[in-house]
Amino acid sequence: MARHLIKSSLLFTLGTLCSRVSGLAREAVLSYSFGASPRFDAFVIALRLPNLLRDMLAEGALSQAFTKVYTELHLTSPTRSHELLLATTKFFFVTSLVISLAGVFFAPALVELFTLLAEGERKATLLADATLLTRVVFPWILLAVISAVFMGALHQEGKFFHSACAPLLLNLGFIGGALGLARLFPHLDFLPVPPHLRGLCGLAVGVLLGGVLHCLFLLRSLSVAVLSVLRSHGKILPLSADLRRVITLMLPMAVASSAAPINAFINTNFATALEAGAVAWLYYAFRLVHLPIALFGVALGMALLPSLTAAVTRGKGFDRQASQLLQQAIELVLWLLSICFVFVLVNHFYITQLIYQQGNFTPADTANSSAALLMYSVGLVGYGLMKVLTSVYYAVDRTAFVMKVSFALIAVNIALNALLVQVLGFRGLALTTAVVVTGNALLLALGLRREKISWSWARLRRSASFLLLLLVIGAVAQQLLRLYLEAMPMLTGKLQALAIVLGNGILLAVLAGVSGFLYLRQNPWHLLRSRSRRG
C-alpha cells in the first residue's frame, strides 16, 4: 500500500511537473506581453472569479467527493460506478451551464464586489475593463467542472499521470492567446470591444480554447469501458442514490471551500485599494509558490484519497495499514515542502527575475513580486499539509469539520489583513494568506485526535531531526554559494540569476538526497544494483 502511494504520487508529480513547466512558460509569456499594468489587474480580477468557483466546486469539493464514492462503488459494482459517472457528468453539465450564464449576466455586480475598497478613476477603470473580460472568460467554469469529474474517474483507474499532464493544454491556450490572439484581435475593427482591451480579450479567448483541449484530453484518457458508458444516449438521469451521496458529501466541502473565495474576495478588495499593479504582483508571486504546492501537496493529496478510502473501507477505520499510509503522506509533504521553502527563502528575488523580468515586466515589478513570493512561501508547508489532511477528512466522511475550520479563520484573515497591510502594504496580504493556511492545517491536524490513528512517534521524531538538520545546512550552504556567485564579475542580470537558481537548486537537491538515504538507512549504490538486477 505504501509503495502504491509513492508510485501514484510520483506519477502525479511527474505529470504535474510537465504541466507546471508549461505553466512557468505561460507566466513568463504573460509577464513579457502584459507586465503588471492596471489593465492586467483587470484581467486577473476577471480570471479570479471563475477560478475561485473552480477551486471551490471542481478541483476541491466535486473532484474529491466523486473520487471517494466512485472508488467505493468500483470495489463492489463497476457497473454502478460507471452509471454514477454518467449521471454526475450530465447533472453537473447542466448545473455549470446555468452558473456560466448567470456569471455572464451578473458580471458587473460580481466585479463590483471585488473592488469595494477601490476609489476614484482607478475603480471606474477596473469596473469597466474587468466586467467585459469577465463576460468573455466566465464560461471556463463549465469546462473546469466537467474536467473535474473526468479527473475523479482517472484517479480511480490509477491514471494520475494523465490527469496531471492535462493542464499543459490549458497553459498552451494561455500562451496561444497571449502570443497569437492578443496580437491578432487589435487589428479586428469589427469586434465590439474597446481597442485598449482587444489584446486581453484575445488572451481570454485563448483561455477558453485551452479549457476545451484540457477537457477533451481527459475524456480521451478514460478507459474504453467508461467511454462506452459516456457515449450512451438517453435522457438526463434522475438524482440516483449514488449521485445524491456525491452531492451530500460535496456540499459541506463546497461550503468549506467557499471560505477560500471569501478570503480571496477580501484580499482582492484590499489589493485594489493599494497602488496600481498590486493585484498583478500578488498574482505572479502566487503562481510561483503554487508550483511546489501542486507538485507535492496536491499530488500527495490526490494520490492519497483513493488509497486511503479503500484502506479505511476495508479496515472499517484507521487500522495499521491506513495509519502507515497517512503517516507516510505527512512525512513526504513535510520533507518536500520544507525543502522548497528553504530554497525560496534564499533565492526568491533571483527566481522572480529569471522567470518574469522581460518585456513589459520591469525591475520594480521584479522587486515587488519577489517580496510577495517570500511572504507566500511562509505557508508552503501549511498548504501541503492542508491538501493531505483534507483528503483524510473525505475518506472518513467528516467534511463538516473542514467547513467549520475554514469559516472560523475568515475573521482571522480580515483582522490580519487590516493589521499587516498598514505595516507591509501588499506584502501583508501575502503573509496573511500564508498564516491563515498554516493555521487551517494545524486545526485540521488537531481534529484527527478522535480518529484511532496509530502513529509511530519514534519515526516521526527521527524524521524531524534529520529534516531540521538538512534545512539548517541547506540554508547556510545556499547562502554561501549565492554570495560567491554574486561576487563573480562575469555574471550579471539573468545570467547571474540562472547561475544562482540552478546552482542552489542542485546543491539543495544533493543535500536532500543524501539526507533521505541516511534517514532511510539505505545505500544508494546497493539500491541501484538491486534495481538493475530486477530489470
Protein backbone atom coordinates (compact mmCIF):
# COMPACT_ATOMS: atom_id res chain seq x y z
CA MET A 1 0.00 0.00 0.00
CA ALA A 2 2.81 2.42 0.89
CA ARG A 3 4.59 1.68 -2.38
CA HIS A 4 1.32 2.25 -4.22
CA LEU A 5 1.01 5.69 -2.60
CA ILE A 6 4.58 6.59 -3.56
CA LYS A 7 4.05 5.36 -7.12
CA SER A 8 0.74 7.20 -7.50
CA SER A 9 2.08 10.45 -6.06
CA LEU A 10 5.24 10.14 -8.17
CA LEU A 11 3.19 9.69 -11.35
CA PHE A 12 1.03 12.66 -10.39
CA THR A 13 4.15 14.69 -9.57
CA LEU A 14 5.81 13.83 -12.89
CA GLY A 15 2.68 14.76 -14.81
CA THR A 16 2.29 17.91 -12.75
CA LEU A 17 5.93 18.77 -13.42
CA CYS A 18 5.26 18.64 -17.16
CA SER A 19 2.21 20.87 -16.83
CA ARG A 20 3.90 23.24 -14.36
CA VAL A 21 6.93 23.72 -16.58
CA SER A 22 4.50 24.85 -19.25
CA GLY A 23 2.85 26.94 -16.53
CA LEU A 24 6.13 28.75 -15.89
CA ALA A 25 6.40 29.36 -19.63
CA ARG A 26 2.83 30.68 -19.55
CA GLU A 27 3.60 33.14 -16.76
CA ALA A 28 6.81 34.24 -18.49
CA VAL A 29 4.82 34.94 -21.66
CA LEU A 30 2.15 36.85 -19.71
CA SER A 31 4.74 38.97 -17.91
CA TYR A 32 6.51 39.70 -21.21
CA SER A 33 3.30 40.60 -23.02
CA PHE A 34 1.35 42.47 -20.34
CA GLY A 35 3.68 43.13 -17.38
CA ALA A 36 2.00 44.33 -14.17
CA SER A 37 -0.12 47.02 -15.80
CA PRO A 38 -3.50 48.25 -14.46
CA ARG A 39 -5.17 46.54 -17.45
CA PHE A 40 -3.64 43.23 -16.42
CA ASP A 41 -5.02 43.87 -12.91
CA ALA A 42 -8.45 43.84 -14.57
CA PHE A 43 -7.72 40.54 -16.30
CA VAL A 44 -6.56 38.96 -13.02
CA ILE A 45 -9.83 40.02 -11.36
CA ALA A 46 -11.85 38.64 -14.29
CA LEU A 47 -9.97 35.33 -14.23
CA ARG A 48 -10.20 35.10 -10.46
CA LEU A 49 -14.00 34.91 -10.47
CA PRO A 50 -14.38 31.59 -12.39
CA ASN A 51 -11.08 30.35 -10.96
CA LEU A 52 -12.37 30.62 -7.41
CA LEU A 53 -15.52 28.72 -8.35
CA ARG A 54 -13.30 26.08 -9.94
CA ASP A 55 -11.28 25.74 -6.73
CA MET A 56 -14.46 25.54 -4.67
CA LEU A 57 -16.53 23.20 -6.87
CA ALA A 58 -14.30 21.46 -9.36
CA GLU A 59 -10.79 20.71 -8.09
CA GLY A 60 -11.91 20.77 -4.47
CA ALA A 61 -15.31 19.53 -3.38
CA LEU A 62 -16.63 17.84 -6.53
CA SER A 63 -13.45 16.05 -7.60
CA GLN A 64 -12.69 14.57 -4.17
CA ALA A 65 -16.32 13.72 -3.32
CA PHE A 66 -16.77 11.97 -6.65
CA THR A 67 -13.45 10.12 -6.31
CA LYS A 68 -14.43 8.75 -2.91
CA VAL A 69 -17.90 7.47 -3.92
CA TYR A 70 -16.71 6.26 -7.32
CA THR A 71 -13.84 4.29 -5.70
CA GLU A 72 -16.12 2.64 -3.14
CA LEU A 73 -18.64 1.64 -5.81
CA HIS A 74 -15.94 0.33 -8.13
CA LEU A 75 -14.76 -2.07 -5.41
CA THR A 76 -18.20 -3.75 -5.28
CA SER A 77 -20.02 -2.92 -8.52
CA PRO A 78 -18.15 -1.44 -11.53
CA THR A 79 -21.46 -1.09 -13.38
CA ARG A 80 -22.88 1.20 -10.68
CA SER A 81 -19.69 3.24 -10.68
CA HIS A 82 -19.97 3.78 -14.45
CA GLU A 83 -23.62 4.76 -14.11
CA LEU A 84 -22.59 7.25 -11.43
CA LEU A 85 -20.02 8.77 -13.79
CA LEU A 86 -22.66 9.26 -16.50
CA ALA A 87 -25.21 10.72 -14.08
CA THR A 88 -22.64 13.05 -12.48
CA THR A 89 -21.41 14.30 -15.85
CA LYS A 90 -24.92 15.13 -17.06
CA PHE A 91 -26.06 16.70 -13.81
CA PHE A 92 -23.05 18.98 -13.42
CA PHE A 93 -23.03 19.92 -17.09
CA VAL A 94 -26.48 21.41 -16.66
CA THR A 95 -25.59 22.96 -13.30
CA SER A 96 -22.37 24.58 -14.51
CA LEU A 97 -24.07 25.82 -17.68
CA VAL A 98 -26.59 27.71 -15.53
CA ILE A 99 -23.73 29.09 -13.40
CA SER A 100 -21.86 30.24 -16.52
CA LEU A 101 -24.88 32.08 -17.91
CA ALA A 102 -25.52 33.70 -14.53
CA GLY A 103 -21.88 34.78 -14.32
CA VAL A 104 -22.02 36.43 -17.74
CA PHE A 105 -25.28 38.21 -16.92
CA PHE A 106 -24.30 39.38 -13.43
CA ALA A 107 -20.67 40.22 -14.30
CA PRO A 108 -20.97 43.93 -13.31
CA ALA A 109 -22.24 43.04 -9.84
CA LEU A 110 -19.56 40.36 -9.37
CA VAL A 111 -16.74 42.71 -10.32
CA GLU A 112 -18.21 45.41 -8.06
CA LEU A 113 -17.89 43.01 -5.12
CA PHE A 114 -14.15 42.63 -5.79
CA THR A 115 -13.48 46.38 -5.99
CA LEU A 116 -15.40 47.71 -2.98
CA LEU A 117 -12.35 49.42 -1.46
CA ALA A 118 -11.04 50.91 -4.72
CA GLU A 119 -11.73 54.60 -5.27
CA GLY A 120 -11.94 57.26 -7.97
CA GLU A 121 -10.77 56.78 -11.53
CA ARG A 122 -8.95 53.53 -10.70
CA LYS A 123 -12.22 51.94 -9.59
CA ALA A 124 -14.14 53.12 -12.64
CA THR A 125 -11.48 51.75 -14.99
CA LEU A 126 -11.26 48.42 -13.16
CA LEU A 127 -15.04 48.03 -13.18
CA ALA A 128 -15.39 48.67 -16.92
CA ASP A 129 -12.42 46.57 -18.03
CA ALA A 130 -12.89 43.65 -15.64
CA THR A 131 -16.63 43.38 -16.40
CA LEU A 132 -16.05 42.93 -20.13
CA LEU A 133 -13.22 40.43 -19.58
CA THR A 134 -15.32 38.51 -17.05
CA ARG A 135 -18.08 38.02 -19.60
CA VAL A 136 -15.59 36.54 -22.04
CA VAL A 137 -13.76 34.19 -19.67
CA PHE A 138 -16.50 33.14 -17.21
CA PRO A 139 -17.82 30.14 -19.27
CA TRP A 140 -14.49 28.46 -18.50
CA ILE A 141 -16.12 27.22 -15.26
CA LEU A 142 -18.29 24.83 -17.33
CA LEU A 143 -15.20 23.16 -18.80
CA ALA A 144 -13.45 23.05 -15.42
CA VAL A 145 -16.36 21.31 -13.67
CA ILE A 146 -16.71 18.58 -16.31
CA SER A 147 -12.93 18.11 -16.29
CA ALA A 148 -13.07 17.56 -12.52
CA VAL A 149 -15.50 14.66 -12.94
CA PHE A 150 -13.26 13.04 -15.56
CA MET A 151 -10.24 13.53 -13.29
CA GLY A 152 -12.01 11.68 -10.48
CA ALA A 153 -12.57 8.67 -12.75
CA LEU A 154 -8.96 8.75 -13.94
CA HIS A 155 -7.67 8.75 -10.35
CA GLN A 156 -9.69 5.64 -9.57
CA GLU A 157 -8.17 3.98 -12.65
CA GLY A 158 -4.70 4.92 -11.41
CA LYS A 159 -4.08 7.27 -14.36
CA PHE A 160 -2.59 10.05 -12.27
CA PHE A 161 -0.06 10.97 -14.95
CA HIS A 162 -2.81 11.68 -17.49
CA SER A 163 -4.82 13.94 -15.19
CA ALA A 164 -1.71 15.79 -14.04
CA CYS A 165 -0.47 16.36 -17.60
CA ALA A 166 -3.78 17.70 -18.87
CA PRO A 167 -3.28 21.31 -17.62
CA LEU A 168 -0.43 21.57 -20.13
CA LEU A 169 -3.11 22.05 -22.79
CA LEU A 170 -4.76 24.79 -20.76
CA ASN A 171 -1.39 26.52 -20.49
CA LEU A 172 -0.97 26.25 -24.24
CA GLY A 173 -4.29 28.08 -24.54
CA PHE A 174 -2.90 30.91 -22.38
CA ILE A 175 0.32 31.04 -24.42
CA GLY A 176 -1.50 30.91 -27.75
CA GLY A 177 -3.88 33.60 -26.57
CA ALA A 178 -1.06 35.89 -25.41
CA LEU A 179 1.26 35.43 -28.39
CA GLY A 180 -1.32 34.86 -31.13
CA LEU A 181 -4.85 36.06 -30.47
CA ALA A 182 -3.75 39.01 -28.32
CA ARG A 183 -1.78 40.30 -31.30
CA LEU A 184 -4.48 39.47 -33.84
CA PHE A 185 -7.53 40.94 -32.08
CA PRO A 186 -6.32 44.59 -32.05
CA HIS A 187 -6.45 44.51 -35.88
CA LEU A 188 -10.07 43.27 -35.96
CA ASP A 189 -12.03 46.51 -36.00
CA PHE A 190 -15.39 44.73 -36.20
CA LEU A 191 -15.04 43.37 -32.64
CA PRO A 192 -17.43 45.11 -30.18
CA VAL A 193 -14.54 45.66 -27.77
CA PRO A 194 -12.68 48.89 -26.86
CA PRO A 195 -9.31 48.99 -28.68
CA HIS A 196 -7.30 49.00 -25.43
CA LEU A 197 -8.90 45.70 -24.31
CA ARG A 198 -8.74 43.71 -27.55
CA GLY A 199 -5.39 42.17 -26.70
CA LEU A 200 -6.61 40.93 -23.32
CA CYS A 201 -9.83 39.67 -24.93
CA GLY A 202 -7.65 37.60 -27.23
CA LEU A 203 -5.94 36.18 -24.15
CA ALA A 204 -9.36 35.41 -22.60
CA VAL A 205 -10.47 33.53 -25.72
CA GLY A 206 -7.20 31.58 -25.60
CA VAL A 207 -8.08 30.53 -22.03
CA LEU A 208 -11.42 29.14 -23.25
CA LEU A 209 -9.77 27.23 -26.11
CA GLY A 210 -7.24 25.78 -23.68
CA GLY A 211 -10.09 24.68 -21.41
CA VAL A 212 -11.73 22.83 -24.29
CA LEU A 213 -8.49 21.00 -25.11
CA HIS A 214 -7.97 20.15 -21.44
CA CYS A 215 -11.44 18.63 -21.12
CA LEU A 216 -11.16 16.63 -24.36
CA PHE A 217 -7.77 15.21 -23.35
CA LEU A 218 -9.17 13.95 -20.03
CA LEU A 219 -12.15 12.44 -21.83
CA ARG A 220 -9.94 10.55 -24.29
CA SER A 221 -7.75 9.25 -21.42
CA LEU A 222 -10.62 7.34 -19.79
CA SER A 223 -10.81 3.57 -20.22
CA VAL A 224 -12.75 2.05 -23.09
CA ALA A 225 -15.41 0.72 -20.70
CA VAL A 226 -16.01 4.16 -19.22
CA LEU A 227 -16.04 5.84 -22.63
CA SER A 228 -18.67 3.41 -23.87
CA VAL A 229 -20.91 4.40 -20.94
CA LEU A 230 -20.42 8.11 -21.61
CA ARG A 231 -21.28 7.63 -25.30
CA SER A 232 -24.64 6.09 -24.35
CA HIS A 233 -27.62 8.23 -25.23
CA GLY A 234 -30.71 8.93 -23.23
CA LYS A 235 -32.45 11.44 -21.08
CA ILE A 236 -30.78 13.25 -18.24
CA LEU A 237 -30.62 10.73 -15.43
CA PRO A 238 -32.58 11.44 -12.25
CA LEU A 239 -30.84 12.00 -8.94
CA SER A 240 -29.87 8.43 -8.10
CA ALA A 241 -28.94 7.43 -4.57
CA ASP A 242 -25.25 7.34 -5.54
CA LEU A 243 -25.37 10.79 -7.13
CA ARG A 244 -27.20 12.16 -4.11
CA ARG A 245 -24.40 10.76 -1.96
CA VAL A 246 -21.80 12.60 -4.06
CA ILE A 247 -23.77 15.82 -3.67
CA THR A 248 -24.31 15.25 0.07
CA LEU A 249 -20.59 14.66 0.58
CA MET A 250 -19.70 17.55 -1.67
CA LEU A 251 -21.96 20.24 -0.15
CA PRO A 252 -20.21 20.63 3.23
CA MET A 253 -16.85 20.72 1.48
CA ALA A 254 -18.16 23.19 -1.11
CA VAL A 255 -19.34 25.39 1.74
CA ALA A 256 -15.97 24.91 3.44
CA SER A 257 -14.17 25.67 0.19
CA SER A 258 -16.24 28.84 -0.15
CA ALA A 259 -14.10 30.23 2.65
CA ALA A 260 -11.27 30.45 0.11
CA PRO A 261 -13.31 32.62 -2.32
CA ILE A 262 -14.44 34.74 0.62
CA ASN A 263 -10.83 35.23 1.70
CA ALA A 264 -9.82 35.92 -1.91
CA PHE A 265 -12.66 38.42 -2.17
CA ILE A 266 -11.38 40.15 0.96
CA ASN A 267 -7.75 40.09 -0.21
CA THR A 268 -8.64 41.39 -3.68
CA ASN A 269 -10.58 44.28 -2.19
CA PHE A 270 -7.58 45.21 -0.06
CA ALA A 271 -5.26 44.87 -3.09
CA THR A 272 -7.40 47.05 -5.38
CA ALA A 273 -7.29 49.79 -2.75
CA LEU A 274 -3.47 49.80 -2.95
CA GLU A 275 -1.22 51.07 -5.72
CA ALA A 276 -1.74 50.06 -9.35
CA GLY A 277 -0.03 46.74 -10.06
CA ALA A 278 -0.56 45.27 -6.58
CA VAL A 279 -3.10 42.73 -7.87
CA ALA A 280 -0.70 41.63 -10.61
CA TRP A 281 2.32 41.40 -8.27
CA LEU A 282 0.38 39.13 -5.93
CA TYR A 283 -0.85 37.06 -8.89
CA TYR A 284 2.63 36.50 -10.32
CA ALA A 285 4.06 35.66 -6.89
CA PHE A 286 1.33 33.14 -6.07
CA ARG A 287 1.77 31.43 -9.44
CA LEU A 288 5.39 30.72 -8.48
CA VAL A 289 4.62 29.45 -4.98
CA HIS A 290 1.82 27.30 -6.37
CA LEU A 291 4.35 25.25 -8.35
CA PRO A 292 5.72 23.25 -5.37
CA ILE A 293 2.23 23.13 -3.82
CA ALA A 294 0.87 21.46 -6.96
CA LEU A 295 3.91 19.22 -7.44
CA PHE A 296 3.90 17.82 -3.92
CA GLY A 297 0.91 18.90 -1.81
CA VAL A 298 -1.81 18.44 -4.43
CA ALA A 299 -0.08 15.34 -5.85
CA LEU A 300 0.06 13.60 -2.48
CA GLY A 301 -3.49 14.64 -1.59
CA MET A 302 -4.89 13.33 -4.88
CA ALA A 303 -2.91 10.08 -4.69
CA LEU A 304 -3.78 9.53 -1.02
CA LEU A 305 -7.57 9.83 -1.32
CA PRO A 306 -8.43 6.67 -3.33
CA SER A 307 -5.81 4.58 -1.49
CA LEU A 308 -6.85 5.79 1.96
CA THR A 309 -10.56 5.44 1.13
CA ALA A 310 -10.03 1.81 0.14
CA ALA A 311 -7.90 1.13 3.25
CA VAL A 312 -10.40 2.75 5.64
CA THR A 313 -13.32 0.95 3.95
CA ARG A 314 -11.64 -2.46 4.21
CA GLY A 315 -10.40 -1.93 7.77
CA LYS A 316 -13.55 -0.09 8.92
CA GLY A 317 -11.42 2.74 10.23
CA PHE A 318 -7.76 3.54 10.76
CA ASP A 319 -6.15 0.15 11.10
CA ARG A 320 -2.37 -0.24 11.00
CA GLN A 321 -2.24 -0.14 7.20
CA ALA A 322 -4.30 3.06 6.88
CA SER A 323 -2.29 4.70 9.68
CA GLN A 324 1.00 3.94 7.97
CA LEU A 325 -0.34 5.30 4.71
CA LEU A 326 -1.34 8.60 6.32
CA GLN A 327 1.92 8.97 8.24
CA GLN A 328 3.96 8.37 5.12
CA ALA A 329 2.00 11.03 3.24
CA ILE A 330 2.52 13.55 6.04
CA GLU A 331 6.25 12.79 6.20
CA LEU A 332 6.62 13.21 2.46
CA VAL A 333 4.83 16.54 2.33
CA LEU A 334 6.82 17.87 5.31
CA TRP A 335 10.14 16.93 3.74
CA LEU A 336 9.39 18.09 0.22
CA LEU A 337 7.74 21.42 1.00
CA SER A 338 10.14 22.33 3.82
CA ILE A 339 12.99 21.93 1.33
CA CYS A 340 11.09 24.09 -1.17
CA PHE A 341 10.59 26.77 1.49
CA VAL A 342 14.32 26.96 2.24
CA PHE A 343 15.03 27.22 -1.50
CA VAL A 344 12.56 30.09 -1.97
CA LEU A 345 13.77 31.78 1.22
CA VAL A 346 17.29 32.19 -0.19
CA ASN A 347 16.50 32.63 -3.89
CA HIS A 348 13.12 34.41 -4.13
CA PHE A 349 14.48 37.52 -5.88
CA TYR A 350 16.51 35.60 -8.45
CA ILE A 351 13.66 33.15 -9.16
CA THR A 352 11.35 36.08 -9.95
CA GLN A 353 13.99 37.87 -12.02
CA LEU A 354 14.80 34.74 -14.03
CA ILE A 355 11.21 33.90 -14.96
CA TYR A 356 9.46 37.25 -15.19
CA GLN A 357 11.81 40.19 -15.80
CA GLN A 358 11.48 40.85 -19.51
CA GLY A 359 9.43 42.91 -21.93
CA ASN A 360 6.80 44.90 -20.02
CA PHE A 361 7.84 43.43 -16.64
CA THR A 362 10.19 46.00 -15.06
CA PRO A 363 12.89 45.63 -12.35
CA ALA A 364 10.47 47.35 -9.94
CA ASP A 365 7.87 44.67 -10.73
CA THR A 366 10.52 42.03 -10.02
CA ALA A 367 11.32 43.53 -6.61
CA ASN A 368 7.64 43.75 -5.62
CA SER A 369 6.67 40.29 -6.89
CA SER A 370 9.68 38.66 -5.21
CA ALA A 371 8.76 40.33 -1.91
CA ALA A 372 5.24 38.87 -2.19
CA LEU A 373 6.73 35.48 -3.11
CA LEU A 374 8.80 35.46 0.09
CA MET A 375 5.69 36.15 2.18
CA TYR A 376 3.63 33.48 0.42
CA SER A 377 6.39 30.89 0.91
CA VAL A 378 5.91 31.03 4.69
CA GLY A 379 2.75 28.98 4.12
CA LEU A 380 4.23 26.34 1.82
CA VAL A 381 4.23 23.54 4.38
CA GLY A 382 0.78 24.59 5.60
CA TYR A 383 -0.62 24.43 2.07
CA GLY A 384 0.75 20.93 1.56
CA LEU A 385 -0.49 19.60 4.89
CA MET A 386 -3.93 21.10 4.27
CA LYS A 387 -4.22 19.26 0.94
CA VAL A 388 -3.24 15.93 2.52
CA LEU A 389 -5.39 16.32 5.65
CA THR A 390 -8.43 17.38 3.62
CA SER A 391 -8.22 14.04 1.79
CA VAL A 392 -8.25 12.28 5.17
CA TYR A 393 -11.49 14.00 6.17
CA TYR A 394 -13.04 12.96 2.85
CA ALA A 395 -12.01 9.35 3.45
CA VAL A 396 -13.69 9.27 6.89
CA ASP A 397 -16.78 11.32 5.90
CA ARG A 398 -16.00 14.28 8.20
CA THR A 399 -16.15 17.11 5.69
CA ALA A 400 -18.34 19.19 8.03
CA PHE A 401 -15.36 19.68 10.35
CA VAL A 402 -13.30 21.12 7.49
CA MET A 403 -16.14 23.54 6.81
CA LYS A 404 -16.18 24.76 10.43
CA VAL A 405 -12.41 25.29 10.48
CA SER A 406 -12.43 27.22 7.20
CA PHE A 407 -15.14 29.62 8.31
CA ALA A 408 -13.61 30.13 11.73
CA LEU A 409 -10.48 31.51 10.04
CA ILE A 410 -12.28 34.09 7.88
CA ALA A 411 -12.38 36.54 10.79
CA VAL A 412 -8.67 35.92 11.37
CA ASN A 413 -7.99 36.69 7.71
CA ILE A 414 -9.84 40.02 7.89
CA ALA A 415 -8.12 41.08 11.11
CA LEU A 416 -4.64 40.16 9.89
CA ASN A 417 -5.20 41.90 6.55
CA ALA A 418 -6.28 45.11 8.27
CA LEU A 419 -3.23 44.96 10.54
CA LEU A 420 -0.50 43.81 8.18
CA VAL A 421 -1.48 45.96 5.18
CA GLN A 422 -0.85 49.00 7.36
CA VAL A 423 2.69 47.76 8.06
CA LEU A 424 3.70 45.79 4.95
CA GLY A 425 1.36 47.02 2.20
CA PHE A 426 0.54 44.42 -0.45
CA ARG A 427 3.16 42.10 1.11
CA GLY A 428 0.94 41.90 4.19
CA LEU A 429 -1.81 40.30 2.09
CA ALA A 430 0.56 37.51 1.03
CA LEU A 431 1.76 36.96 4.61
CA THR A 432 -1.83 36.85 5.87
CA THR A 433 -2.67 34.15 3.33
CA ALA A 434 0.32 32.07 4.49
CA VAL A 435 -0.55 32.44 8.18
CA VAL A 436 -4.24 31.57 7.67
CA VAL A 437 -3.44 28.48 5.59
CA THR A 438 -0.93 27.27 8.19
CA GLY A 439 -3.50 27.78 10.93
CA ASN A 440 -6.03 25.83 8.88
CA ALA A 441 -3.62 22.89 8.57
CA LEU A 442 -2.86 22.88 12.31
CA LEU A 443 -6.56 22.85 13.24
CA LEU A 444 -7.21 20.00 10.80
CA ALA A 445 -4.34 18.07 12.37
CA LEU A 446 -5.79 18.63 15.87
CA GLY A 447 -9.17 17.42 14.62
CA LEU A 448 -7.73 13.98 13.87
CA ARG A 449 -7.34 13.20 17.56
CA ARG A 450 -10.74 11.49 17.63
CA GLU A 451 -9.61 9.04 14.93
CA LYS A 452 -7.81 5.95 16.23
CA ILE A 453 -4.62 6.55 14.24
CA SER A 454 -1.57 4.50 15.21
CA TRP A 455 1.30 7.00 14.97
CA SER A 456 4.91 5.87 15.01
CA TRP A 457 6.21 8.66 17.24
CA ALA A 458 9.78 7.37 17.25
CA ARG A 459 9.89 7.51 13.45
CA LEU A 460 8.36 11.00 13.43
CA ARG A 461 10.97 12.28 15.91
CA ARG A 462 13.80 10.77 13.88
CA SER A 463 12.37 12.20 10.65
CA ALA A 464 12.01 15.67 12.20
CA SER A 465 15.62 15.59 13.45
CA PHE A 466 17.04 14.71 10.05
CA LEU A 467 14.82 17.29 8.35
CA LEU A 468 15.76 20.12 10.73
CA LEU A 469 19.47 19.41 10.24
CA LEU A 470 19.01 19.35 6.47
CA LEU A 471 17.18 22.69 6.47
CA VAL A 472 19.85 24.46 8.54
CA ILE A 473 22.74 23.10 6.47
CA GLY A 474 20.84 23.74 3.23
CA ALA A 475 20.07 27.36 4.09
CA VAL A 476 23.67 28.14 5.08
CA ALA A 477 25.19 26.35 2.09
CA GLN A 478 22.86 28.11 -0.36
CA GLN A 479 23.60 31.50 1.16
CA LEU A 480 27.35 30.96 0.84
CA LEU A 481 27.06 29.84 -2.78
CA ARG A 482 24.81 32.81 -3.58
CA LEU A 483 27.33 35.27 -2.11
CA TYR A 484 30.13 33.62 -4.08
CA LEU A 485 28.24 33.79 -7.38
CA GLU A 486 27.14 37.38 -6.77
CA ALA A 487 30.79 38.37 -6.42
CA MET A 488 31.74 36.97 -9.84
CA PRO A 489 32.06 39.97 -12.23
CA MET A 490 31.26 37.99 -15.37
CA LEU A 491 27.81 37.07 -14.03
CA THR A 492 25.20 39.82 -14.41
CA GLY A 493 21.47 40.13 -14.99
CA LYS A 494 19.63 36.97 -15.99
CA LEU A 495 22.87 35.01 -16.36
CA GLN A 496 23.60 35.65 -12.68
CA ALA A 497 20.02 34.72 -11.74
CA LEU A 498 20.27 31.49 -13.73
CA ALA A 499 23.59 30.55 -12.13
CA ILE A 500 22.32 31.20 -8.59
CA VAL A 501 18.96 29.44 -9.01
CA LEU A 502 20.46 26.45 -10.83
CA GLY A 503 23.49 26.18 -8.53
CA ASN A 504 21.47 26.38 -5.33
CA GLY A 505 18.83 24.02 -6.73
CA ILE A 506 21.43 21.35 -7.49
CA LEU A 507 23.16 21.90 -4.14
CA LEU A 508 19.93 21.55 -2.17
CA ALA A 509 18.81 18.52 -4.19
CA VAL A 510 22.11 16.73 -3.46
CA LEU A 511 21.89 17.55 0.26
CA ALA A 512 18.26 16.37 0.34
CA GLY A 513 19.14 13.13 -1.44
CA VAL A 514 21.98 12.35 0.96
CA SER A 515 19.77 13.16 3.96
CA GLY A 516 16.97 10.99 2.61
CA PHE A 517 19.21 7.96 2.14
CA LEU A 518 20.72 8.42 5.62
CA TYR A 519 17.26 8.71 7.15
CA LEU A 520 16.04 5.59 5.36
CA ARG A 521 19.32 3.78 6.19
CA GLN A 522 19.80 2.77 2.56
CA ASN A 523 22.95 2.66 0.49
CA PRO A 524 22.13 4.28 -2.89
CA TRP A 525 24.65 2.11 -4.75
CA HIS A 526 23.14 -1.10 -3.36
CA LEU A 527 19.68 0.21 -4.26
CA LEU A 528 20.74 0.94 -7.84
CA ARG A 529 22.34 -2.52 -8.19
CA SER A 530 19.20 -4.25 -6.91
CA ARG A 531 17.05 -2.26 -9.34
CA SER A 532 19.33 -3.09 -12.27
CA ARG A 533 19.26 -6.80 -11.41
CA ARG A 534 15.46 -6.77 -11.30
CA GLY A 535 15.43 -5.01 -14.65
